Amino acid sequence: MWRFVVNAVLFDIAWPLCVLVDSVAIIATFTLANLLIHLFVVADKPREWLWVAAIWISGVTMDTVVFSTGLLVNDSGSPFPPPWLLLLWVNFATALRYSMFFLQKSAWLAALLGGIFGPFSYWTGSWLNGTVEFSQPVILPVIVLVILWVMFLPFTTWLARRRFFGEDGHA
């Protein structure tokens, strides 16, 4: 239970920190601290670093496609996600098997919540941060994000149960 609490608190700090703080150095420092705490205190799996790397690469790849196609626009003009979003993926990866463990029990629940909260997170993050915008008409990027997250979250929660990422396959 304590792993859940520590992990949930750290992610509850990470999301607003990544979105609201305008210093990549501060976000990166917190993210590194969160990752180290996760790997050496919270996680109970020997290959947890592999899990975090796999989710980070998957998420960054998904976001890069969304940005490079112009569905989401970085105010710097770059076709890539901004640094704060790249760092947010590390923090998300640390939370997915622990404080979001309940998603592993139902692919339908993961799809439903992914389809709602995935796009909502981008929408809220873009609104609060101001460095990312949805292309027009807004419905197109929202539909694409819903589709991506309806597939992404159940797939990653399915992966979380696999022995490849841990000794017993459970959080």
N, C-alpha and C. Protein backbone atom coordinates (compact mmCIF):
# COMPACT_ATOMS: atom_id res chain seq x y z
N MET A 1 0.82 -1.20 0.00
CA MET A 1 0.00 0.00 0.00
C MET A 1 0.85 1.26 0.00
N TRP A 2 1.95 1.23 0.73
CA TRP A 2 2.79 2.42 0.81
C TRP A 2 3.39 2.77 -0.55
N ARG A 3 3.66 1.75 -1.38
CA ARG A 3 4.18 2.02 -2.73
C ARG A 3 3.16 2.81 -3.54
N PHE A 4 1.91 2.41 -3.43
CA PHE A 4 0.83 3.11 -4.12
C PHE A 4 0.79 4.57 -3.69
N VAL A 5 0.84 4.81 -2.39
CA VAL A 5 0.72 6.17 -1.86
C VAL A 5 1.90 7.04 -2.31
N VAL A 6 3.12 6.54 -2.15
CA VAL A 6 4.30 7.30 -2.56
C VAL A 6 4.23 7.59 -4.06
N ASN A 7 3.90 6.58 -4.84
CA ASN A 7 3.82 6.74 -6.29
C ASN A 7 2.74 7.73 -6.68
N ALA A 8 1.57 7.63 -6.07
CA ALA A 8 0.46 8.54 -6.38
C ALA A 8 0.81 9.98 -6.02
N VAL A 9 1.41 10.18 -4.87
CA VAL A 9 1.79 11.54 -4.45
C VAL A 9 2.82 12.13 -5.42
N LEU A 10 3.82 11.33 -5.78
CA LEU A 10 4.84 11.83 -6.71
C LEU A 10 4.24 12.17 -8.07
N PHE A 11 3.33 11.34 -8.57
CA PHE A 11 2.71 11.66 -9.86
C PHE A 11 1.78 12.87 -9.73
N ASP A 12 1.10 12.99 -8.58
CA ASP A 12 0.23 14.15 -8.37
C ASP A 12 1.03 15.46 -8.29
N ILE A 13 2.28 15.36 -7.95
CA ILE A 13 3.18 16.53 -7.98
C ILE A 13 3.73 16.71 -9.40
N ALA A 14 4.08 15.61 -10.05
CA ALA A 14 4.75 15.65 -11.36
C ALA A 14 3.89 16.30 -12.44
N TRP A 15 2.62 15.91 -12.53
CA TRP A 15 1.80 16.42 -13.63
C TRP A 15 1.70 17.94 -13.60
N PRO A 16 1.25 18.54 -12.50
CA PRO A 16 1.17 20.01 -12.51
C PRO A 16 2.54 20.68 -12.61
N LEU A 17 3.56 20.06 -12.03
CA LEU A 17 4.90 20.63 -12.12
C LEU A 17 5.34 20.69 -13.59
N CYS A 18 5.19 19.60 -14.31
CA CYS A 18 5.59 19.57 -15.73
C CYS A 18 4.80 20.58 -16.54
N VAL A 19 3.53 20.72 -16.25
CA VAL A 19 2.67 21.59 -17.03
C VAL A 19 2.84 23.06 -16.66
N LEU A 20 3.01 23.36 -15.39
CA LEU A 20 2.98 24.75 -14.95
C LEU A 20 4.34 25.43 -14.79
N VAL A 21 5.38 24.67 -14.53
CA VAL A 21 6.69 25.28 -14.28
C VAL A 21 7.38 25.55 -15.62
N ASP A 22 7.93 26.75 -15.73
CA ASP A 22 8.53 27.18 -16.99
C ASP A 22 10.02 26.89 -17.07
N SER A 23 10.53 26.07 -16.18
CA SER A 23 11.96 25.76 -16.15
C SER A 23 12.18 24.28 -16.44
N VAL A 24 12.80 24.00 -17.57
CA VAL A 24 13.08 22.60 -17.92
C VAL A 24 14.03 22.00 -16.89
N ALA A 25 14.95 22.80 -16.34
CA ALA A 25 15.90 22.30 -15.35
C ALA A 25 15.17 21.82 -14.09
N ILE A 26 14.19 22.57 -13.64
CA ILE A 26 13.43 22.17 -12.45
C ILE A 26 12.62 20.91 -12.74
N ILE A 27 11.96 20.87 -13.89
CA ILE A 27 11.16 19.70 -14.26
C ILE A 27 12.05 18.47 -14.40
N ALA A 28 13.20 18.64 -15.05
CA ALA A 28 14.13 17.52 -15.24
C ALA A 28 14.69 17.03 -13.91
N THR A 29 15.00 17.95 -13.00
CA THR A 29 15.52 17.57 -11.68
C THR A 29 14.47 16.77 -10.91
N PHE A 30 13.23 17.26 -10.90
CA PHE A 30 12.17 16.53 -10.21
C PHE A 30 11.95 15.17 -10.86
N THR A 31 11.92 15.13 -12.19
CA THR A 31 11.69 13.88 -12.91
C THR A 31 12.79 12.87 -12.59
N LEU A 32 14.03 13.32 -12.56
CA LEU A 32 15.13 12.42 -12.21
C LEU A 32 14.98 11.91 -10.78
N ALA A 33 14.63 12.81 -9.85
CA ALA A 33 14.42 12.40 -8.46
C ALA A 33 13.27 11.40 -8.37
N ASN A 34 12.18 11.68 -9.07
CA ASN A 34 11.03 10.77 -9.07
C ASN A 34 11.43 9.41 -9.64
N LEU A 35 12.18 9.42 -10.73
CA LEU A 35 12.62 8.16 -11.35
C LEU A 35 13.50 7.36 -10.40
N LEU A 36 14.43 8.02 -9.73
CA LEU A 36 15.32 7.33 -8.79
C LEU A 36 14.55 6.78 -7.59
N ILE A 37 13.63 7.58 -7.05
CA ILE A 37 12.79 7.10 -5.95
C ILE A 37 11.97 5.91 -6.42
N HIS A 38 11.44 6.03 -7.62
CA HIS A 38 10.63 4.94 -8.17
C HIS A 38 11.45 3.66 -8.32
N LEU A 39 12.61 3.77 -8.93
CA LEU A 39 13.42 2.58 -9.22
C LEU A 39 14.00 1.94 -7.97
N PHE A 40 14.37 2.76 -6.98
CA PHE A 40 15.09 2.21 -5.82
C PHE A 40 14.25 2.10 -4.55
N VAL A 41 13.07 2.71 -4.54
CA VAL A 41 12.23 2.66 -3.33
C VAL A 41 10.86 2.06 -3.63
N VAL A 42 10.19 2.56 -4.64
CA VAL A 42 8.81 2.14 -4.92
C VAL A 42 8.75 0.82 -5.66
N ALA A 43 9.46 0.72 -6.77
CA ALA A 43 9.35 -0.45 -7.65
C ALA A 43 9.90 -1.70 -6.96
N ASP A 44 9.20 -2.78 -7.19
CA ASP A 44 9.64 -4.06 -6.62
C ASP A 44 9.98 -5.07 -7.71
N LYS A 45 10.29 -4.56 -8.89
CA LYS A 45 10.60 -5.43 -10.02
C LYS A 45 12.01 -5.12 -10.52
N PRO A 46 12.80 -6.15 -10.80
CA PRO A 46 14.19 -5.93 -11.18
C PRO A 46 14.36 -5.25 -12.54
N ARG A 47 13.39 -5.39 -13.42
CA ARG A 47 13.51 -4.78 -14.75
C ARG A 47 12.60 -3.58 -14.92
N GLU A 48 12.34 -2.89 -13.84
CA GLU A 48 11.45 -1.73 -13.90
C GLU A 48 11.99 -0.65 -14.82
N TRP A 49 13.28 -0.49 -14.87
CA TRP A 49 13.87 0.52 -15.76
C TRP A 49 13.50 0.24 -17.21
N LEU A 50 13.38 -1.03 -17.57
CA LEU A 50 13.01 -1.41 -18.92
C LEU A 50 11.56 -1.02 -19.20
N TRP A 51 10.71 -1.22 -18.22
CA TRP A 51 9.31 -0.82 -18.33
C TRP A 51 9.21 0.69 -18.54
N VAL A 52 9.88 1.47 -17.70
CA VAL A 52 9.83 2.93 -17.81
C VAL A 52 10.34 3.37 -19.19
N ALA A 53 11.44 2.79 -19.63
CA ALA A 53 11.99 3.13 -20.94
C ALA A 53 11.01 2.79 -22.07
N ALA A 54 10.37 1.63 -21.98
CA ALA A 54 9.43 1.21 -23.03
C ALA A 54 8.22 2.14 -23.11
N ILE A 55 7.68 2.51 -21.96
CA ILE A 55 6.52 3.41 -21.94
C ILE A 55 6.93 4.80 -22.40
N TRP A 56 8.09 5.26 -21.96
CA TRP A 56 8.57 6.58 -22.39
C TRP A 56 8.76 6.62 -23.91
N ILE A 57 9.42 5.62 -24.46
CA ILE A 57 9.65 5.58 -25.91
C ILE A 57 8.32 5.52 -26.66
N SER A 58 7.40 4.69 -26.18
CA SER A 58 6.08 4.57 -26.82
C SER A 58 5.33 5.90 -26.78
N GLY A 59 5.31 6.52 -25.62
CA GLY A 59 4.59 7.79 -25.47
C GLY A 59 5.21 8.91 -26.27
N VAL A 60 6.52 9.01 -26.25
CA VAL A 60 7.21 10.05 -27.01
C VAL A 60 7.00 9.82 -28.51
N THR A 61 7.02 8.58 -28.94
CA THR A 61 6.78 8.28 -30.35
C THR A 61 5.36 8.69 -30.75
N MET A 62 4.39 8.34 -29.91
CA MET A 62 3.01 8.71 -30.19
C MET A 62 2.87 10.23 -30.27
N ASP A 63 3.45 10.94 -29.31
CA ASP A 63 3.36 12.40 -29.31
C ASP A 63 4.10 13.01 -30.50
N THR A 64 5.23 12.44 -30.87
CA THR A 64 5.98 12.96 -32.01
C THR A 64 5.15 12.85 -33.28
N VAL A 65 4.44 11.75 -33.44
CA VAL A 65 3.56 11.59 -34.60
C VAL A 65 2.46 12.65 -34.57
N VAL A 66 1.85 12.85 -33.41
CA VAL A 66 0.76 13.82 -33.29
C VAL A 66 1.27 15.24 -33.57
N PHE A 67 2.45 15.57 -33.08
CA PHE A 67 3.02 16.90 -33.33
C PHE A 67 3.51 17.05 -34.77
N SER A 68 4.18 16.04 -35.29
CA SER A 68 4.74 16.16 -36.65
C SER A 68 3.65 16.21 -37.72
N THR A 69 2.47 15.68 -37.42
CA THR A 69 1.36 15.77 -38.37
C THR A 69 0.60 17.08 -38.22
N GLY A 70 0.94 17.87 -37.21
CA GLY A 70 0.31 19.17 -37.03
C GLY A 70 -0.99 19.14 -36.27
N LEU A 71 -1.37 17.98 -35.71
CA LEU A 71 -2.60 17.93 -34.91
C LEU A 71 -2.44 18.71 -33.62
N LEU A 72 -1.26 18.60 -33.01
CA LEU A 72 -0.89 19.47 -31.90
C LEU A 72 0.28 20.31 -32.38
N VAL A 73 0.31 21.57 -31.97
CA VAL A 73 1.31 22.50 -32.45
C VAL A 73 2.09 23.05 -31.27
N ASN A 74 3.41 22.92 -31.36
CA ASN A 74 4.34 23.46 -30.37
C ASN A 74 4.57 24.93 -30.71
N ASP A 75 4.43 25.84 -29.75
CA ASP A 75 4.57 27.26 -30.06
C ASP A 75 5.98 27.65 -30.52
N SER A 76 6.95 26.77 -30.32
CA SER A 76 8.30 27.05 -30.80
C SER A 76 8.42 26.80 -32.30
N GLY A 77 7.39 26.19 -32.88
CA GLY A 77 7.42 25.86 -34.29
C GLY A 77 8.04 24.51 -34.58
N SER A 78 8.53 23.85 -33.55
CA SER A 78 9.15 22.54 -33.70
C SER A 78 8.08 21.48 -33.98
N PRO A 79 8.41 20.51 -34.83
CA PRO A 79 7.45 19.42 -35.07
C PRO A 79 7.49 18.35 -33.97
N PHE A 80 8.19 18.64 -32.90
CA PHE A 80 8.34 17.68 -31.80
C PHE A 80 7.64 18.21 -30.55
N PRO A 81 7.28 17.32 -29.64
CA PRO A 81 6.68 17.75 -28.38
C PRO A 81 7.67 18.61 -27.58
N PRO A 82 7.15 19.53 -26.77
CA PRO A 82 8.05 20.35 -25.95
C PRO A 82 8.70 19.52 -24.85
N PRO A 83 9.81 19.99 -24.31
CA PRO A 83 10.54 19.22 -23.28
C PRO A 83 9.67 18.84 -22.08
N TRP A 84 8.80 19.72 -21.64
CA TRP A 84 7.98 19.40 -20.46
C TRP A 84 7.09 18.19 -20.72
N LEU A 85 6.63 18.02 -21.96
CA LEU A 85 5.79 16.88 -22.28
C LEU A 85 6.62 15.60 -22.37
N LEU A 86 7.83 15.72 -22.88
CA LEU A 86 8.73 14.56 -22.93
C LEU A 86 9.05 14.07 -21.52
N LEU A 87 9.27 14.99 -20.60
CA LEU A 87 9.56 14.62 -19.21
C LEU A 87 8.32 14.09 -18.49
N LEU A 88 7.18 14.60 -18.86
CA LEU A 88 5.93 14.10 -18.27
C LEU A 88 5.75 12.62 -18.56
N TRP A 89 6.20 12.17 -19.73
CA TRP A 89 6.09 10.74 -20.07
C TRP A 89 6.88 9.85 -19.11
N VAL A 90 8.02 10.31 -18.65
CA VAL A 90 8.80 9.52 -17.66
C VAL A 90 7.98 9.37 -16.40
N ASN A 91 7.40 10.47 -15.94
CA ASN A 91 6.59 10.45 -14.72
C ASN A 91 5.35 9.58 -14.89
N PHE A 92 4.72 9.64 -16.05
CA PHE A 92 3.56 8.79 -16.32
C PHE A 92 3.96 7.32 -16.28
N ALA A 93 5.10 7.00 -16.87
CA ALA A 93 5.57 5.60 -16.89
C ALA A 93 5.78 5.06 -15.48
N THR A 94 6.23 5.92 -14.57
CA THR A 94 6.44 5.45 -13.19
C THR A 94 5.11 5.19 -12.48
N ALA A 95 4.07 5.87 -12.90
CA ALA A 95 2.77 5.73 -12.22
C ALA A 95 1.91 4.60 -12.77
N LEU A 96 2.12 4.24 -13.99
CA LEU A 96 1.19 3.33 -14.67
C LEU A 96 1.05 1.96 -14.01
N ARG A 97 2.13 1.40 -13.51
CA ARG A 97 2.04 0.05 -12.89
C ARG A 97 1.75 0.10 -11.39
N TYR A 98 1.80 1.25 -10.79
CA TYR A 98 1.63 1.34 -9.35
C TYR A 98 0.35 2.09 -8.99
N SER A 99 0.35 3.40 -9.04
CA SER A 99 -0.85 4.11 -8.61
C SER A 99 -2.00 3.98 -9.60
N MET A 100 -1.73 3.53 -10.82
CA MET A 100 -2.79 3.27 -11.79
C MET A 100 -2.98 1.77 -12.03
N PHE A 101 -2.58 0.96 -11.05
CA PHE A 101 -2.62 -0.50 -11.20
C PHE A 101 -4.01 -1.04 -11.49
N PHE A 102 -5.04 -0.36 -11.00
CA PHE A 102 -6.42 -0.83 -11.19
C PHE A 102 -6.79 -0.94 -12.67
N LEU A 103 -6.09 -0.22 -13.54
CA LEU A 103 -6.36 -0.28 -14.97
C LEU A 103 -5.97 -1.63 -15.57
N GLN A 104 -5.10 -2.36 -14.89
CA GLN A 104 -4.65 -3.66 -15.39
C GLN A 104 -5.74 -4.72 -15.31
N LYS A 105 -6.75 -4.48 -14.54
CA LYS A 105 -7.79 -5.48 -14.32
C LYS A 105 -8.83 -5.53 -15.43
N SER A 106 -8.95 -4.46 -16.22
CA SER A 106 -9.98 -4.42 -17.25
C SER A 106 -9.52 -3.59 -18.45
N ALA A 107 -9.41 -4.25 -19.58
CA ALA A 107 -9.04 -3.55 -20.82
C ALA A 107 -10.11 -2.53 -21.19
N TRP A 108 -11.37 -2.88 -20.91
CA TRP A 108 -12.47 -1.95 -21.22
C TRP A 108 -12.39 -0.69 -20.37
N LEU A 109 -12.07 -0.85 -19.10
CA LEU A 109 -11.93 0.31 -18.23
C LEU A 109 -10.73 1.16 -18.67
N ALA A 110 -9.62 0.50 -19.01
CA ALA A 110 -8.45 1.23 -19.49
C ALA A 110 -8.77 1.98 -20.78
N ALA A 111 -9.51 1.35 -21.68
CA ALA A 111 -9.89 2.01 -22.94
C ALA A 111 -10.80 3.21 -22.67
N LEU A 112 -11.78 3.01 -21.81
CA LEU A 112 -12.72 4.09 -21.49
C LEU A 112 -11.99 5.26 -20.84
N LEU A 113 -11.22 4.98 -19.81
CA LEU A 113 -10.52 6.06 -19.11
C LEU A 113 -9.43 6.68 -19.98
N GLY A 114 -8.75 5.86 -20.79
CA GLY A 114 -7.76 6.40 -21.71
C GLY A 114 -8.40 7.33 -22.72
N GLY A 115 -9.55 6.92 -23.27
CA GLY A 115 -10.25 7.74 -24.26
C GLY A 115 -10.77 9.05 -23.70
N ILE A 116 -11.03 9.07 -22.41
CA ILE A 116 -11.52 10.31 -21.77
C ILE A 116 -10.35 11.16 -21.25
N PHE A 117 -9.54 10.54 -20.39
CA PHE A 117 -8.53 11.32 -19.68
C PHE A 117 -7.24 11.56 -20.46
N GLY A 118 -6.94 10.72 -21.47
CA GLY A 118 -5.78 10.99 -22.32
C GLY A 118 -5.94 12.33 -23.03
N PRO A 119 -6.98 12.48 -23.87
CA PRO A 119 -7.19 13.77 -24.55
C PRO A 119 -7.43 14.93 -23.57
N PHE A 120 -8.15 14.65 -22.48
CA PHE A 120 -8.42 15.70 -21.49
C PHE A 120 -7.11 16.22 -20.88
N SER A 121 -6.16 15.32 -20.67
CA SER A 121 -4.87 15.71 -20.13
C SER A 121 -4.13 16.64 -21.09
N TYR A 122 -4.16 16.31 -22.39
CA TYR A 122 -3.54 17.19 -23.38
C TYR A 122 -4.24 18.54 -23.42
N TRP A 123 -5.56 18.49 -23.39
CA TRP A 123 -6.35 19.72 -23.46
C TRP A 123 -6.04 20.63 -22.25
N THR A 124 -6.09 20.03 -21.08
CA THR A 124 -5.81 20.80 -19.86
C THR A 124 -4.37 21.28 -19.84
N GLY A 125 -3.43 20.40 -20.19
CA GLY A 125 -2.02 20.79 -20.23
C GLY A 125 -1.76 21.92 -21.20
N SER A 126 -2.38 21.86 -22.38
CA SER A 126 -2.18 22.93 -23.37
C SER A 126 -2.78 24.24 -22.88
N TRP A 127 -3.93 24.14 -22.22
CA TRP A 127 -4.59 25.34 -21.72
C TRP A 127 -3.77 25.98 -20.59
N LEU A 128 -3.27 25.16 -19.67
CA LEU A 128 -2.51 25.68 -18.54
C LEU A 128 -1.09 26.12 -18.92
N ASN A 129 -0.45 25.37 -19.81
CA ASN A 129 0.93 25.65 -20.16
C ASN A 129 1.05 26.74 -21.22
N GLY A 130 0.20 26.71 -22.21
CA GLY A 130 0.20 27.74 -23.24
C GLY A 130 1.22 27.55 -24.35
N THR A 131 2.02 26.49 -24.31
CA THR A 131 3.02 26.28 -25.36
C THR A 131 2.57 25.26 -26.41
N VAL A 132 1.41 24.68 -26.19
CA VAL A 132 0.88 23.69 -27.12
C VAL A 132 -0.54 24.10 -27.48
N GLU A 133 -0.85 23.98 -28.77
CA GLU A 133 -2.20 24.29 -29.22
C GLU A 133 -2.75 23.14 -30.04
N PHE A 134 -4.05 22.96 -29.99
CA PHE A 134 -4.74 22.01 -30.85
C PHE A 134 -4.95 22.68 -32.20
N SER A 135 -4.73 21.92 -33.29
CA SER A 135 -4.99 22.48 -34.61
C SER A 135 -6.49 22.63 -34.81
N GLN A 136 -6.85 23.39 -35.81
CA GLN A 136 -8.26 23.64 -36.11
C GLN A 136 -8.69 22.78 -37.29
N PRO A 137 -9.87 22.28 -37.34
CA PRO A 137 -10.86 22.31 -36.27
C PRO A 137 -10.44 21.40 -35.11
N VAL A 138 -10.70 21.84 -33.92
CA VAL A 138 -10.25 21.16 -32.70
C VAL A 138 -10.75 19.72 -32.63
N ILE A 139 -11.88 19.46 -33.21
CA ILE A 139 -12.46 18.12 -33.12
C ILE A 139 -11.54 17.06 -33.73
N LEU A 140 -10.78 17.41 -34.77
CA LEU A 140 -9.91 16.43 -35.42
C LEU A 140 -8.81 15.94 -34.48
N PRO A 141 -8.00 16.82 -33.86
CA PRO A 141 -7.00 16.29 -32.93
C PRO A 141 -7.63 15.58 -31.72
N VAL A 142 -8.80 16.03 -31.29
CA VAL A 142 -9.46 15.36 -30.16
C VAL A 142 -9.84 13.94 -30.55
N ILE A 143 -10.42 13.76 -31.73
CA ILE A 143 -10.80 12.42 -32.19
C ILE A 143 -9.57 11.52 -32.31
N VAL A 144 -8.50 12.05 -32.89
CA VAL A 144 -7.28 11.25 -33.05
C VAL A 144 -6.72 10.87 -31.68
N LEU A 145 -6.69 11.81 -30.73
CA LEU A 145 -6.19 11.51 -29.39
C LEU A 145 -7.07 10.48 -28.69
N VAL A 146 -8.37 10.58 -28.86
CA VAL A 146 -9.27 9.58 -28.27
C VAL A 146 -8.93 8.20 -28.83
N ILE A 147 -8.81 8.09 -30.14
CA ILE A 147 -8.51 6.81 -30.77
C ILE A 147 -7.17 6.26 -30.28
N LEU A 148 -6.15 7.13 -30.26
CA LEU A 148 -4.82 6.69 -29.82
C LEU A 148 -4.85 6.19 -28.37
N TRP A 149 -5.52 6.94 -27.49
CA TRP A 149 -5.53 6.57 -26.08
C TRP A 149 -6.43 5.38 -25.78
N VAL A 150 -7.47 5.20 -26.59
CA VAL A 150 -8.32 4.01 -26.43
C VAL A 150 -7.51 2.74 -26.73
N MET A 151 -6.51 2.88 -27.59
CA MET A 151 -5.64 1.73 -27.89
C MET A 151 -4.41 1.70 -26.97
N PHE A 152 -3.82 2.85 -26.70
CA PHE A 152 -2.56 2.93 -25.96
C PHE A 152 -2.68 2.44 -24.52
N LEU A 153 -3.67 2.93 -23.80
CA LEU A 153 -3.77 2.58 -22.38
C LEU A 153 -4.08 1.09 -22.15
N PRO A 154 -5.02 0.50 -22.86
CA PRO A 154 -5.21 -0.95 -22.66
C PRO A 154 -3.97 -1.76 -23.05
N PHE A 155 -3.29 -1.35 -24.12
CA PHE A 155 -2.09 -2.07 -24.53
C PHE A 155 -1.00 -1.98 -23.46
N THR A 156 -0.78 -0.79 -22.92
CA THR A 156 0.27 -0.65 -21.91
C THR A 156 -0.10 -1.33 -20.60
N THR A 157 -1.39 -1.35 -20.25
CA THR A 157 -1.77 -2.06 -19.03
C THR A 157 -1.68 -3.57 -19.24
N TRP A 158 -1.92 -4.03 -20.46
CA TRP A 158 -1.69 -5.44 -20.79
C TRP A 158 -0.21 -5.77 -20.65
N LEU A 159 0.64 -4.89 -21.17
CA LEU A 159 2.09 -5.08 -21.02
C LEU A 159 2.51 -5.12 -19.55
N ALA A 160 1.86 -4.32 -18.74
CA ALA A 160 2.21 -4.26 -17.31
C ALA A 160 2.03 -5.61 -16.63
N ARG A 161 1.15 -6.43 -17.15
CA ARG A 161 0.90 -7.75 -16.55
C ARG A 161 1.86 -8.82 -17.06
N ARG A 162 2.65 -8.53 -18.06
CA ARG A 162 3.53 -9.53 -18.66
C ARG A 162 4.76 -9.78 -17.80
N ARG A 163 5.20 -11.01 -17.76
CA ARG A 163 6.38 -11.40 -17.00
C ARG A 163 7.65 -10.73 -17.51
N PHE A 164 7.67 -10.34 -18.76
CA PHE A 164 8.86 -9.73 -19.35
C PHE A 164 9.33 -8.51 -18.56
N PHE A 165 8.37 -7.77 -17.99
CA PHE A 165 8.71 -6.55 -17.28
C PHE A 165 8.84 -6.72 -15.78
N GLY A 166 8.62 -7.88 -15.25
CA GLY A 166 8.73 -8.09 -13.82
C GLY A 166 8.77 -9.57 -13.50
N GLU A 167 9.12 -9.89 -12.30
CA GLU A 167 9.27 -11.30 -11.92
C GLU A 167 7.93 -12.02 -11.84
N ASP A 168 6.92 -11.37 -11.29
CA ASP A 168 5.65 -12.08 -11.12
C ASP A 168 4.54 -11.57 -12.03
N GLY A 169 4.80 -10.50 -12.77
CA GLY A 169 3.81 -9.99 -13.69
C GLY A 169 2.74 -9.14 -13.04
N HIS A 170 2.85 -8.83 -11.76
CA HIS A 170 1.85 -8.00 -11.08
C HIS A 170 2.53 -6.84 -10.38
N ALA A 171 1.76 -5.77 -10.19
CA ALA A 171 2.30 -4.56 -9.57
C ALA A 171 2.55 -4.74 -8.09
